[in-house]
Amino acid sequence: MSPAPGTAANTDREHRTRFTTALVTAHDDHPDLRDAAEVLVRPDGHVAWVTRTTDP
């Protein structure tokens, strides 16, 4: 039996396919993004999170 829509198991499966990894090789200079190692960008294009470390 499949999980009901909106349940944790179903929601996790739906969102897992919506992530994309991209390697950025060039961008406009912005002081908040200097030396950024990882950036999480929301679907509407706004930056949600930035880290300057590569340590997991």
N, C-alpha and C. Protein backbone atom coordinates (compact mmCIF):
# COMPACT_ATOMS: atom_id res chain seq x y z
N MET A 1 0.84 -1.18 0.00
CA MET A 1 0.00 0.00 0.00
C MET A 1 0.89 1.25 0.00
N SER A 2 0.59 2.20 -0.82
CA SER A 2 1.36 3.45 -0.93
C SER A 2 1.03 4.37 0.23
N PRO A 3 2.02 5.21 0.63
CA PRO A 3 1.74 6.20 1.67
C PRO A 3 0.70 7.20 1.19
N ALA A 4 -0.07 7.72 2.13
CA ALA A 4 -1.09 8.72 1.79
C ALA A 4 -0.41 10.02 1.38
N PRO A 5 -1.00 10.78 0.45
CA PRO A 5 -0.42 12.07 0.07
C PRO A 5 -0.24 12.97 1.29
N GLY A 6 0.91 13.64 1.35
CA GLY A 6 1.18 14.55 2.44
C GLY A 6 1.83 13.91 3.65
N THR A 7 1.92 12.58 3.69
CA THR A 7 2.58 11.93 4.82
C THR A 7 4.08 12.11 4.69
N ALA A 8 4.80 11.92 5.79
CA ALA A 8 6.26 12.13 5.78
C ALA A 8 6.94 11.26 4.73
N ALA A 9 6.57 9.99 4.63
CA ALA A 9 7.22 9.10 3.66
C ALA A 9 6.97 9.56 2.24
N ASN A 10 5.75 9.95 1.93
CA ASN A 10 5.41 10.38 0.58
C ASN A 10 6.03 11.74 0.28
N THR A 11 6.00 12.65 1.21
CA THR A 11 6.56 13.99 1.00
C THR A 11 8.06 13.90 0.76
N ASP A 12 8.76 13.05 1.53
CA ASP A 12 10.20 12.88 1.36
C ASP A 12 10.50 12.37 -0.05
N ARG A 13 9.76 11.42 -0.53
CA ARG A 13 9.99 10.85 -1.86
C ARG A 13 9.74 11.90 -2.94
N GLU A 14 8.69 12.71 -2.77
CA GLU A 14 8.37 13.75 -3.75
C GLU A 14 9.46 14.81 -3.81
N HIS A 15 9.97 15.25 -2.68
CA HIS A 15 10.96 16.32 -2.64
C HIS A 15 12.35 15.84 -3.04
N ARG A 16 12.65 14.60 -2.84
CA ARG A 16 13.97 14.08 -3.16
C ARG A 16 14.30 14.28 -4.64
N THR A 17 13.34 14.18 -5.51
CA THR A 17 13.59 14.32 -6.94
C THR A 17 13.67 15.77 -7.39
N ARG A 18 13.41 16.71 -6.48
CA ARG A 18 13.40 18.12 -6.86
C ARG A 18 14.74 18.81 -6.62
N PHE A 19 15.73 18.09 -6.11
CA PHE A 19 17.04 18.68 -5.86
C PHE A 19 17.92 18.54 -7.09
N THR A 20 18.68 19.56 -7.38
CA THR A 20 19.62 19.54 -8.50
C THR A 20 20.95 20.09 -8.02
N THR A 21 22.02 19.46 -8.43
CA THR A 21 23.35 19.94 -8.12
C THR A 21 23.92 20.58 -9.38
N ALA A 22 24.50 21.76 -9.23
CA ALA A 22 25.08 22.46 -10.36
C ALA A 22 26.45 23.00 -9.99
N LEU A 23 27.37 22.92 -10.90
CA LEU A 23 28.70 23.49 -10.70
C LEU A 23 28.71 24.85 -11.38
N VAL A 24 28.95 25.89 -10.61
CA VAL A 24 28.98 27.25 -11.15
C VAL A 24 30.43 27.60 -11.45
N THR A 25 30.69 27.97 -12.68
CA THR A 25 32.05 28.30 -13.08
C THR A 25 32.27 29.80 -13.22
N ALA A 26 31.20 30.57 -13.27
CA ALA A 26 31.32 32.03 -13.37
C ALA A 26 30.03 32.66 -12.84
N HIS A 27 30.16 33.80 -12.20
CA HIS A 27 28.99 34.51 -11.70
C HIS A 27 29.36 35.97 -11.48
N ASP A 28 28.34 36.80 -11.34
CA ASP A 28 28.58 38.20 -11.00
C ASP A 28 29.17 38.28 -9.60
N ASP A 29 30.09 39.21 -9.38
CA ASP A 29 30.71 39.36 -8.08
C ASP A 29 29.69 39.92 -7.08
N HIS A 30 29.56 39.25 -5.95
CA HIS A 30 28.69 39.72 -4.89
C HIS A 30 29.39 39.46 -3.57
N PRO A 31 29.55 40.47 -2.72
CA PRO A 31 30.33 40.31 -1.48
C PRO A 31 29.85 39.17 -0.59
N ASP A 32 28.55 38.92 -0.54
CA ASP A 32 28.03 37.86 0.33
C ASP A 32 28.34 36.46 -0.19
N LEU A 33 28.71 36.36 -1.46
CA LEU A 33 28.99 35.04 -2.03
C LEU A 33 30.47 34.78 -2.27
N ARG A 34 31.33 35.72 -1.89
CA ARG A 34 32.77 35.50 -2.05
C ARG A 34 33.21 34.34 -1.20
N ASP A 35 34.02 33.46 -1.76
CA ASP A 35 34.55 32.27 -1.08
C ASP A 35 33.47 31.28 -0.67
N ALA A 36 32.29 31.36 -1.25
CA ALA A 36 31.23 30.41 -0.92
C ALA A 36 31.58 29.03 -1.49
N ALA A 37 31.45 28.01 -0.66
CA ALA A 37 31.69 26.64 -1.10
C ALA A 37 30.40 25.99 -1.58
N GLU A 38 29.30 26.31 -0.90
CA GLU A 38 28.00 25.76 -1.27
C GLU A 38 26.93 26.83 -1.08
N VAL A 39 25.95 26.83 -1.97
CA VAL A 39 24.85 27.80 -1.91
C VAL A 39 23.56 27.03 -2.18
N LEU A 40 22.57 27.25 -1.32
CA LEU A 40 21.25 26.66 -1.53
C LEU A 40 20.35 27.75 -2.09
N VAL A 41 19.83 27.53 -3.29
CA VAL A 41 18.99 28.52 -3.97
C VAL A 41 17.55 28.00 -3.99
N ARG A 42 16.64 28.84 -3.51
CA ARG A 42 15.23 28.47 -3.51
C ARG A 42 14.70 28.42 -4.94
N PRO A 43 13.58 27.75 -5.16
CA PRO A 43 13.00 27.69 -6.52
C PRO A 43 12.68 29.06 -7.11
N ASP A 44 12.45 30.07 -6.25
CA ASP A 44 12.15 31.40 -6.78
C ASP A 44 13.42 32.21 -7.06
N GLY A 45 14.61 31.58 -6.88
CA GLY A 45 15.86 32.22 -7.23
C GLY A 45 16.57 32.93 -6.09
N HIS A 46 15.97 33.01 -4.93
CA HIS A 46 16.60 33.66 -3.78
C HIS A 46 17.54 32.69 -3.07
N VAL A 47 18.66 33.22 -2.56
CA VAL A 47 19.61 32.39 -1.82
C VAL A 47 19.03 32.14 -0.43
N ALA A 48 18.96 30.86 -0.04
CA ALA A 48 18.41 30.49 1.26
C ALA A 48 19.51 30.18 2.27
N TRP A 49 20.71 29.78 1.80
CA TRP A 49 21.75 29.35 2.71
C TRP A 49 23.08 29.36 1.98
N VAL A 50 24.16 29.72 2.69
CA VAL A 50 25.50 29.76 2.12
C VAL A 50 26.47 29.21 3.16
N THR A 51 27.46 28.42 2.72
CA THR A 51 28.54 28.00 3.60
C THR A 51 29.86 28.25 2.91
N ARG A 52 30.86 28.54 3.70
CA ARG A 52 32.20 28.76 3.16
C ARG A 52 33.13 27.59 3.47
N THR A 53 32.62 26.58 4.13
CA THR A 53 33.42 25.41 4.48
C THR A 53 32.98 24.21 3.67
N THR A 54 33.89 23.29 3.41
CA THR A 54 33.55 22.06 2.70
C THR A 54 33.50 20.88 3.66
N ASP A 55 33.68 21.15 4.96
CA ASP A 55 33.65 20.09 5.97
C ASP A 55 32.21 19.65 6.20
N PRO A 56 31.91 18.37 5.96
CA PRO A 56 30.53 17.91 6.12
C PRO A 56 30.09 17.99 7.56
